[in-house]
Amino acid sequence: MPWWAGLIIGIGALILGGVLGFIITKKIVQKQLRDNPPITEKQIRAMYMQMGRKPSEADIKKVMNSMKKAK
C-alpha cells in the first residue's frame, strides 16, 4: 500500500471519528437535559418562599423567561 493511501485512510478515519463523536455527544447531552431539566417552576417557588416572599405567577414567569433567554 502506498504511503499516500495510508494518509488518506488516516485522515478519513479522524474526520469520521470526530463527526460520530460529535453526534453521539449531542444526543447524550440532549437526553440528559430532557430527563433532568436545569430548573423548574416548582424550584423557583421554593426559592422565593425561602427568601420569605410569596411569589406571584408573574414573578415565576419572569424568572423562567430570563433563564430561557440566558441559554
Protein backbone atom coordinates (compact mmCIF):
# COMPACT_ATOMS: atom_id res chain seq x y z
CA MET A 1 0.00 0.00 0.00
CA PRO A 2 1.46 3.39 -0.96
CA TRP A 3 2.11 5.95 1.78
CA TRP A 4 -0.49 8.38 0.44
CA ALA A 5 -3.24 5.73 0.70
CA GLY A 6 -2.44 5.27 4.38
CA LEU A 7 -2.50 9.03 4.86
CA ILE A 8 -5.91 9.35 3.19
CA ILE A 9 -7.32 6.47 5.26
CA GLY A 10 -5.96 8.05 8.46
CA ILE A 11 -7.41 11.47 7.70
CA GLY A 12 -10.75 9.90 6.75
CA ALA A 13 -10.83 7.92 9.99
CA LEU A 14 -10.11 11.06 12.03
CA ILE A 15 -12.87 13.02 10.30
CA LEU A 16 -15.37 10.16 10.66
CA GLY A 17 -14.48 9.71 14.33
CA GLY A 18 -14.88 13.41 15.00
CA VAL A 19 -18.29 13.59 13.32
CA LEU A 20 -19.57 10.44 15.06
CA GLY A 21 -18.25 11.64 18.41
CA PHE A 22 -19.99 14.98 17.99
CA ILE A 23 -23.32 13.39 17.06
CA ILE A 24 -23.24 10.85 19.89
CA THR A 25 -22.26 13.50 22.46
CA LYS A 26 -25.02 15.83 21.26
CA LYS A 27 -27.65 13.09 21.62
CA ILE A 28 -26.45 12.19 25.13
CA VAL A 29 -26.50 15.83 26.30
CA GLN A 30 -29.99 16.41 24.87
CA LYS A 31 -31.26 13.28 26.65
CA GLN A 32 -29.69 14.41 29.93
CA LEU A 33 -31.33 17.85 29.66
CA ARG A 34 -34.68 16.29 28.80
CA ASP A 35 -34.51 13.89 31.77
CA ASN A 36 -33.04 16.40 34.25
CA PRO A 37 -34.15 19.94 33.39
CA PRO A 38 -31.93 22.65 34.85
CA ILE A 39 -34.68 24.33 36.93
CA THR A 40 -38.46 24.09 37.22
CA GLU A 41 -41.22 26.44 38.29
CA LYS A 42 -41.61 24.42 41.48
CA GLN A 43 -37.96 25.07 42.36
CA ILE A 44 -38.39 28.80 41.69
CA ARG A 45 -41.42 28.88 44.02
CA ALA A 46 -39.40 27.15 46.74
CA MET A 47 -36.57 29.66 46.28
CA TYR A 48 -38.97 32.61 46.68
CA MET A 49 -40.54 31.01 49.76
CA GLN A 50 -37.09 30.54 51.34
CA MET A 51 -36.45 34.24 50.80
CA GLY A 52 -39.66 35.00 52.70
CA ARG A 53 -41.74 36.09 49.71
CA LYS A 54 -44.91 34.65 48.28
CA PRO A 55 -44.22 34.51 44.56
CA SER A 56 -46.80 35.67 42.07
CA GLU A 57 -47.29 33.89 38.77
CA ALA A 58 -45.75 36.90 37.00
CA ASP A 59 -42.57 36.60 39.10
CA ILE A 60 -42.21 32.94 38.22
CA LYS A 61 -42.82 33.51 34.50
CA LYS A 62 -40.32 36.38 34.52
CA VAL A 63 -37.61 34.19 36.06
CA MET A 64 -38.36 31.30 33.65
CA ASN A 65 -38.20 33.64 30.62
CA SER A 66 -34.94 35.17 31.77
CA MET A 67 -33.43 31.69 32.18
CA LYS A 68 -34.58 30.68 28.69
CA LYS A 69 -33.02 33.85 27.21
CA ALA A 70 -29.74 33.16 29.01
CA LYS A 71 -29.29 29.87 27.16
